[in-house]
């Protein structure tokens, strides 16, 4: 899956099955955009990453070259 490397690099430390910061485990969230609940979760991820809120400023931040393909692949 094309999104997995981005999620692993920038998101999984805080949003995996063990940490679940904000109640969100991105490692188990499917890329099933047909499911309304899953779609809504990915829209939130898109909005937070796209606005620069995530990853937080104290964490490694993606380069624009990495950010655009990720956010463009998510529902908004």
PDB file of N, CA and C in Angstrom:
ATOM      1  N   UNK A   1       0.832  -1.181   0.000  1.00  0.00           N
ATOM      2  CA  UNK A   1       0.000   0.000   0.000  1.00  0.00           C
ATOM      3  C   UNK A   1       0.879   1.247   0.000  1.00  0.00           C
ATOM      4  N   UNK A   2       0.578   2.218  -0.826  1.00  0.00           N
ATOM      5  CA  UNK A   2       1.422   3.399  -1.002  1.00  0.00           C
ATOM      6  C   UNK A   2       1.452   4.311   0.218  1.00  0.00           C
ATOM      7  N   UNK A   3       0.421   4.276   1.050  1.00  0.00           N
ATOM      8  CA  UNK A   3       0.376   5.152   2.215  1.00  0.00           C
ATOM      9  C   UNK A   3       1.183   4.621   3.390  1.00  0.00           C
ATOM     10  N   UNK A   4       1.407   3.338   3.432  1.00  0.00           N
ATOM     11  CA  UNK A   4       2.045   2.714   4.587  1.00  0.00           C
ATOM     12  C   UNK A   4       3.425   3.269   4.933  1.00  0.00           C
ATOM     13  N   UNK A   5       4.324   3.511   3.976  1.00  0.00           N
ATOM     14  CA  UNK A   5       5.624   4.068   4.353  1.00  0.00           C
ATOM     15  C   UNK A   5       5.497   5.428   5.055  1.00  0.00           C
ATOM     16  N   UNK A   6       4.611   6.282   4.581  1.00  0.00           N
ATOM     17  CA  UNK A   6       4.401   7.584   5.214  1.00  0.00           C
ATOM     18  C   UNK A   6       3.878   7.400   6.631  1.00  0.00           C
ATOM     19  N   UNK A   7       2.879   6.542   6.785  1.00  0.00           N
ATOM     20  CA  UNK A   7       2.295   6.298   8.108  1.00  0.00           C
ATOM     21  C   UNK A   7       3.326   5.721   9.062  1.00  0.00           C
ATOM     22  N   UNK A   8       4.129   4.793   8.582  1.00  0.00           N
ATOM     23  CA  UNK A   8       5.158   4.176   9.414  1.00  0.00           C
ATOM     24  C   UNK A   8       6.179   5.217   9.861  1.00  0.00           C
ATOM     25  N   UNK A   9       6.594   6.073   8.947  1.00  0.00           N
ATOM     26  CA  UNK A   9       7.642   7.056   9.249  1.00  0.00           C
ATOM     27  C   UNK A   9       7.155   8.189  10.147  1.00  0.00           C
ATOM     28  N   UNK A  10       5.947   8.699   9.901  1.00  0.00           N
ATOM     29  CA  UNK A  10       5.517   9.921  10.579  1.00  0.00           C
ATOM     30  C   UNK A  10       4.386   9.745  11.597  1.00  0.00           C
ATOM     31  N   UNK A  11       3.704   8.611  11.579  1.00  0.00           N
ATOM     32  CA  UNK A  11       2.489   8.496  12.396  1.00  0.00           C
ATOM     33  C   UNK A  11       2.497   7.361  13.411  1.00  0.00           C
ATOM     34  N   UNK A  12       3.137   6.249  13.063  1.00  0.00           N
ATOM     35  CA  UNK A  12       2.985   5.020  13.850  1.00  0.00           C
ATOM     36  C   UNK A  12       3.549   5.098  15.261  1.00  0.00           C
ATOM     37  N   UNK A  13       4.540   5.953  15.501  1.00  0.00           N
ATOM     38  CA  UNK A  13       5.079   6.050  16.864  1.00  0.00           C
ATOM     39  C   UNK A  13       3.999   6.420  17.869  1.00  0.00           C
ATOM     40  N   UNK A  14       3.096   7.274  17.478  1.00  0.00           N
ATOM     41  CA  UNK A  14       2.046   7.747  18.397  1.00  0.00           C
ATOM     42  C   UNK A  14       0.675   7.122  18.129  1.00  0.00           C
ATOM     43  N   UNK A  15       0.456   6.674  16.914  1.00  0.00           N
ATOM     44  CA  UNK A  15      -0.876   6.179  16.527  1.00  0.00           C
ATOM     45  C   UNK A  15      -0.825   4.724  16.084  1.00  0.00           C
ATOM     46  N   UNK A  16      -0.272   3.868  16.966  1.00  0.00           N
ATOM     47  CA  UNK A  16      -0.265   2.434  16.704  1.00  0.00           C
ATOM     48  C   UNK A  16      -1.119   1.737  17.760  1.00  0.00           C
ATOM     49  N   UNK A  17      -1.159   0.417  17.720  1.00  0.00           N
ATOM     50  CA  UNK A  17      -2.012  -0.355  18.627  1.00  0.00           C
ATOM     51  C   UNK A  17      -1.608  -0.167  20.086  1.00  0.00           C
ATOM     52  N   UNK A  18      -0.329   0.095  20.347  1.00  0.00           N
ATOM     53  CA  UNK A  18       0.137   0.267  21.721  1.00  0.00           C
ATOM     54  C   UNK A  18      -0.146   1.671  22.258  1.00  0.00           C
ATOM     55  N   UNK A  19       0.184   2.697  21.485  1.00  0.00           N
ATOM     56  CA  UNK A  19       0.059   4.081  21.962  1.00  0.00           C
ATOM     57  C   UNK A  19      -1.348   4.639  21.814  1.00  0.00           C
ATOM     58  N   UNK A  20      -1.914   4.506  20.625  1.00  0.00           N
ATOM     59  CA  UNK A  20      -3.264   5.005  20.318  1.00  0.00           C
ATOM     60  C   UNK A  20      -3.518   6.424  20.827  1.00  0.00           C
ATOM     61  N   UNK A  21      -2.566   7.322  20.603  1.00  0.00           N
ATOM     62  CA  UNK A  21      -2.786   8.713  21.035  1.00  0.00           C
ATOM     63  C   UNK A  21      -4.037   9.252  20.357  1.00  0.00           C
ATOM     64  N   UNK A  22      -4.828   9.970  21.121  1.00  0.00           N
ATOM     65  CA  UNK A  22      -6.082  10.494  20.601  1.00  0.00           C
ATOM     66  C   UNK A  22      -7.078   9.402  20.257  1.00  0.00           C
ATOM     67  N   UNK A  23      -6.832   8.179  20.757  1.00  0.00           N
ATOM     68  CA  UNK A  23      -7.729   7.060  20.468  1.00  0.00           C
ATOM     69  C   UNK A  23      -7.630   6.557  19.039  1.00  0.00           C
ATOM     70  N   UNK A  24      -6.537   6.897  18.354  1.00  0.00           N
ATOM     71  CA  UNK A  24      -6.410   6.563  16.934  1.00  0.00           C
ATOM     72  C   UNK A  24      -5.259   5.594  16.691  1.00  0.00           C
ATOM     73  N   UNK A  25      -5.584   4.433  16.143  1.00  0.00           N
ATOM     74  CA  UNK A  25      -4.589   3.445  15.733  1.00  0.00           C
ATOM     75  C   UNK A  25      -4.592   3.394  14.208  1.00  0.00           C
ATOM     76  N   UNK A  26      -3.655   4.104  13.601  1.00  0.00           N
ATOM     77  CA  UNK A  26      -3.588   4.142  12.139  1.00  0.00           C
ATOM     78  C   UNK A  26      -3.036   2.857  11.550  1.00  0.00           C
ATOM     79  N   UNK A  27      -2.367   2.045  12.358  1.00  0.00           N
ATOM     80  CA  UNK A  27      -1.816   0.797  11.836  1.00  0.00           C
ATOM     81  C   UNK A  27      -2.902  -0.235  11.568  1.00  0.00           C
ATOM     82  N   UNK A  28      -4.060  -0.074  12.200  1.00  0.00           N
ATOM     83  CA  UNK A  28      -5.146  -1.025  11.957  1.00  0.00           C
ATOM     84  C   UNK A  28      -6.319  -0.409  11.186  1.00  0.00           C
ATOM     85  N   UNK A  29      -6.262   0.894  10.920  1.00  0.00           N
ATOM     86  CA  UNK A  29      -7.338   1.556  10.180  1.00  0.00           C
ATOM     87  C   UNK A  29      -7.218   1.191   8.701  1.00  0.00           C
ATOM     88  N   UNK A  30      -8.230   0.558   8.180  1.00  0.00           N
ATOM     89  CA  UNK A  30      -8.217   0.104   6.785  1.00  0.00           C
ATOM     90  C   UNK A  30      -8.342   1.291   5.831  1.00  0.00           C
ATOM     91  N   UNK A  31      -7.911   1.081   4.610  1.00  0.00           N
ATOM     92  CA  UNK A  31      -8.055   2.098   3.565  1.00  0.00           C
ATOM     93  C   UNK A  31      -9.352   1.858   2.803  1.00  0.00           C
ATOM     94  N   UNK A  32     -10.412   1.597   3.540  1.00  0.00           N
ATOM     95  CA  UNK A  32     -11.724   1.300   2.972  1.00  0.00           C
ATOM     96  C   UNK A  32     -12.547   2.586   2.956  1.00  0.00           C
ATOM     97  N   UNK A  33     -12.405   3.343   1.888  1.00  0.00           N
ATOM     98  CA  UNK A  33     -13.086   4.631   1.804  1.00  0.00           C
ATOM     99  C   UNK A  33     -14.580   4.490   1.515  1.00  0.00           C
ATOM    100  N   UNK A  34     -15.043   3.273   1.264  1.00  0.00           N
ATOM    101  CA  UNK A  34     -16.477   3.037   1.054  1.00  0.00           C
ATOM    102  C   UNK A  34     -17.232   2.962   2.381  1.00  0.00           C
ATOM    103  N   UNK A  35     -16.517   2.642   3.457  1.00  0.00           N
ATOM    104  CA  UNK A  35     -17.113   2.574   4.791  1.00  0.00           C
ATOM    105  C   UNK A  35     -17.203   3.988   5.358  1.00  0.00           C
ATOM    106  N   UNK A  36     -18.405   4.475   5.684  1.00  0.00           N
ATOM    107  CA  UNK A  36     -18.562   5.867   6.133  1.00  0.00           C
ATOM    108  C   UNK A  36     -17.745   6.233   7.374  1.00  0.00           C
ATOM    109  N   UNK A  37     -17.638   5.333   8.349  1.00  0.00           N
ATOM    110  CA  UNK A  37     -16.873   5.633   9.557  1.00  0.00           C
ATOM    111  C   UNK A  37     -15.375   5.703   9.247  1.00  0.00           C
ATOM    112  N   UNK A  38     -14.916   4.777   8.439  1.00  0.00           N
ATOM    113  CA  UNK A  38     -13.507   4.764   8.060  1.00  0.00           C
ATOM    114  C   UNK A  38     -13.190   5.987   7.208  1.00  0.00           C
ATOM    115  N   UNK A  39     -14.071   6.297   6.277  1.00  0.00           N
ATOM    116  CA  UNK A  39     -13.895   7.479   5.435  1.00  0.00           C
ATOM    117  C   UNK A  39     -13.763   8.732   6.301  1.00  0.00           C
ATOM    118  N   UNK A  40     -14.620   8.865   7.297  1.00  0.00           N
ATOM    119  CA  UNK A  40     -14.586  10.037   8.191  1.00  0.00           C
ATOM    120  C   UNK A  40     -13.267  10.117   8.952  1.00  0.00           C
ATOM    121  N   UNK A  41     -12.748   8.969   9.379  1.00  0.00           N
ATOM    122  CA  UNK A  41     -11.457   8.960  10.088  1.00  0.00           C
ATOM    123  C   UNK A  41     -10.340   9.454   9.173  1.00  0.00           C
ATOM    124  N   UNK A  42     -10.335   8.967   7.924  1.00  0.00           N
ATOM    125  CA  UNK A  42      -9.283   9.390   6.997  1.00  0.00           C
ATOM    126  C   UNK A  42      -9.414  10.860   6.615  1.00  0.00           C
ATOM    127  N   UNK A  43     -10.634  11.382   6.572  1.00  0.00           N
ATOM    128  CA  UNK A  43     -10.807  12.817   6.314  1.00  0.00           C
ATOM    129  C   UNK A  43     -10.161  13.614   7.449  1.00  0.00           C
ATOM    130  N   UNK A  44     -10.347  13.159   8.691  1.00  0.00           N
ATOM    131  CA  UNK A  44      -9.709  13.836   9.839  1.00  0.00           C
ATOM    132  C   UNK A  44      -8.187  13.780   9.728  1.00  0.00           C
ATOM    133  N   UNK A  45      -7.669  12.604   9.349  1.00  0.00           N
ATOM    134  CA  UNK A  45      -6.226  12.472   9.181  1.00  0.00           C
ATOM    135  C   UNK A  45      -5.754  13.441   8.095  1.00  0.00           C
ATOM    136  N   UNK A  46      -6.450  13.459   6.972  1.00  0.00           N
ATOM    137  CA  UNK A  46      -6.106  14.374   5.877  1.00  0.00           C
ATOM    138  C   UNK A  46      -6.063  15.815   6.370  1.00  0.00           C
ATOM    139  N   UNK A  47      -7.101  16.221   7.087  1.00  0.00           N
ATOM    140  CA  UNK A  47      -7.196  17.611   7.531  1.00  0.00           C
ATOM    141  C   UNK A  47      -6.086  17.977   8.515  1.00  0.00           C
ATOM    142  N   UNK A  48      -5.788  17.086   9.444  1.00  0.00           N
ATOM    143  CA  UNK A  48      -4.759  17.377  10.451  1.00  0.00           C
ATOM    144  C   UNK A  48      -3.357  17.374   9.843  1.00  0.00           C
ATOM    145  N   UNK A  49      -3.090  16.452   8.940  1.00  0.00           N
ATOM    146  CA  UNK A  49      -1.786  16.418   8.290  1.00  0.00           C
ATOM    147  C   UNK A  49      -1.670  17.589   7.310  1.00  0.00           C
ATOM    148  N   UNK A  50      -2.714  17.834   6.548  1.00  0.00           N
ATOM    149  CA  UNK A  50      -2.698  18.917   5.564  1.00  0.00           C
ATOM    150  C   UNK A  50      -2.555  20.295   6.179  1.00  0.00           C
ATOM    151  N   UNK A  51      -3.102  20.482   7.380  1.00  0.00           N
ATOM    152  CA  UNK A  51      -3.013  21.788   8.051  1.00  0.00           C
ATOM    153  C   UNK A  51      -1.705  21.968   8.809  1.00  0.00           C
ATOM    154  N   UNK A  52      -0.909  20.900   8.920  1.00  0.00           N
ATOM    155  CA  UNK A  52       0.350  20.979   9.651  1.00  0.00           C
ATOM    156  C   UNK A  52       0.209  20.699  11.135  1.00  0.00           C
ATOM    157  N   UNK A  53      -1.003  20.374  11.580  1.00  0.00           N
ATOM    158  CA  UNK A  53      -1.214  20.047  12.984  1.00  0.00           C
ATOM    159  C   UNK A  53      -0.549  18.716  13.343  1.00  0.00           C
ATOM    160  N   UNK A  54      -0.526  17.797  12.389  1.00  0.00           N
ATOM    161  CA  UNK A  54       0.113  16.498  12.577  1.00  0.00           C
ATOM    162  C   UNK A  54       1.104  16.280  11.451  1.00  0.00           C
ATOM    163  N   UNK A  55       2.205  15.634  11.693  1.00  0.00           N
ATOM    164  CA  UNK A  55       2.739  15.313  13.000  1.00  0.00           C
ATOM    165  C   UNK A  55       3.048  16.587  13.780  1.00  0.00           C
ATOM    166  N   UNK A  56       3.031  16.494  15.116  1.00  0.00           N
ATOM    167  CA  UNK A  56       3.274  17.695  15.923  1.00  0.00           C
ATOM    168  C   UNK A  56       4.667  18.265  15.662  1.00  0.00           C
ATOM    169  N   UNK A  57       4.820  19.532  15.944  1.00  0.00           N
ATOM    170  CA  UNK A  57       6.063  20.235  15.632  1.00  0.00           C
ATOM    171  C   UNK A  57       7.293  19.622  16.302  1.00  0.00           C
ATOM    172  N   UNK A  58       7.124  18.964  17.440  1.00  0.00           N
ATOM    173  CA  UNK A  58       8.271  18.362  18.126  1.00  0.00           C
ATOM    174  C   UNK A  58       8.726  17.044  17.491  1.00  0.00           C
ATOM    175  N   UNK A  59       7.965  16.530  16.546  1.00  0.00           N
ATOM    176  CA  UNK A  59       8.294  15.288  15.847  1.00  0.00           C
ATOM    177  C   UNK A  59       8.875  15.604  14.466  1.00  0.00           C
ATOM    178  N   UNK A  60       9.480  14.577  13.836  1.00  0.00           N
ATOM    179  CA  UNK A  60       9.954  14.748  12.464  1.00  0.00           C
ATOM    180  C   UNK A  60       8.786  15.138  11.574  1.00  0.00           C
ATOM    181  N   UNK A  61       9.006  16.139  10.746  1.00  0.00           N
ATOM    182  CA  UNK A  61       7.958  16.629   9.860  1.00  0.00           C
ATOM    183  C   UNK A  61       8.259  16.179   8.431  1.00  0.00           C
ATOM    184  N   UNK A  62       7.225  15.810   7.685  1.00  0.00           N
ATOM    185  CA  UNK A  62       7.452  15.387   6.303  1.00  0.00           C
ATOM    186  C   UNK A  62       7.827  16.560   5.401  1.00  0.00           C
ATOM    187  N   UNK A  63       8.667  16.268   4.433  1.00  0.00           N
ATOM    188  CA  UNK A  63       8.985  17.254   3.405  1.00  0.00           C
ATOM    189  C   UNK A  63       7.748  17.436   2.534  1.00  0.00           C
ATOM    190  N   UNK A  64       7.637  18.580   1.893  1.00  0.00           N
ATOM    191  CA  UNK A  64       6.497  18.858   1.025  1.00  0.00           C
ATOM    192  C   UNK A  64       6.388  17.775  -0.051  1.00  0.00           C
ATOM    193  N   UNK A  65       7.526  17.293  -0.533  1.00  0.00           N
ATOM    194  CA  UNK A  65       7.518  16.255  -1.565  1.00  0.00           C
ATOM    195  C   UNK A  65       6.881  14.962  -1.053  1.00  0.00           C
ATOM    196  N   UNK A  66       6.971  14.698   0.255  1.00  0.00           N
ATOM    197  CA  UNK A  66       6.346  13.522   0.849  1.00  0.00           C
ATOM    198  C   UNK A  66       4.910  13.797   1.257  1.00  0.00           C
ATOM    199  N   UNK A  67       4.649  15.018   1.651  1.00  0.00           N
ATOM    200  CA  UNK A  67       3.332  15.389   2.182  1.00  0.00           C
ATOM    201  C   UNK A  67       2.244  15.399   1.110  1.00  0.00           C
ATOM    202  N   UNK A  68       2.525  16.022   0.004  1.00  0.00           N
ATOM    203  CA  UNK A  68       1.502  16.159  -1.047  1.00  0.00           C
ATOM    204  C   UNK A  68       0.986  14.823  -1.565  1.00  0.00           C
ATOM    205  N   UNK A  69       1.862  13.870  -1.900  1.00  0.00           N
ATOM    206  CA  UNK A  69       1.326  12.581  -2.372  1.00  0.00           C
ATOM    207  C   UNK A  69       0.458  11.890  -1.313  1.00  0.00           C
ATOM    208  N   UNK A  70       0.832  12.034  -0.052  1.00  0.00           N
ATOM    209  CA  UNK A  70       0.048  11.416   1.021  1.00  0.00           C
ATOM    210  C   UNK A  70      -1.332  12.057   1.128  1.00  0.00           C
ATOM    211  N   UNK A  71      -1.370  13.375   1.274  1.00  0.00           N
ATOM    212  CA  UNK A  71      -2.670  14.026   1.455  1.00  0.00           C
ATOM    213  C   UNK A  71      -3.525  13.935   0.197  1.00  0.00           C
ATOM    214  N   UNK A  72      -2.901  13.931  -0.972  1.00  0.00           N
ATOM    215  CA  UNK A  72      -3.675  13.812  -2.216  1.00  0.00           C
ATOM    216  C   UNK A  72      -4.293  12.436  -2.385  1.00  0.00           C
ATOM    217  N   UNK A  73      -3.765  11.445  -1.690  1.00  0.00           N
ATOM    218  CA  UNK A  73      -4.302  10.090  -1.813  1.00  0.00           C
ATOM    219  C   UNK A  73      -5.437   9.814  -0.825  1.00  0.00           C
ATOM    220  N   UNK A  74      -5.670  10.761   0.082  1.00  0.00           N
ATOM    221  CA  UNK A  74      -6.719  10.587   1.097  1.00  0.00           C
ATOM    222  C   UNK A  74      -7.984  11.356   0.723  1.00  0.00           C
ATOM    223  N   UNK A  75      -9.115  10.922   1.240  1.00  0.00           N
ATOM    224  CA  UNK A  75     -10.346  11.687   0.999  1.00  0.00           C
ATOM    225  C   UNK A  75     -10.283  12.997   1.777  1.00  0.00           C
ATOM    226  N   UNK A  76     -10.869  14.021   1.227  1.00  0.00           N
ATOM    227  CA  UNK A  76     -10.884  15.322   1.912  1.00  0.00           C
ATOM    228  C   UNK A  76     -12.270  15.914   1.887  1.00  0.00           C
TER     229      UNK A  76
END
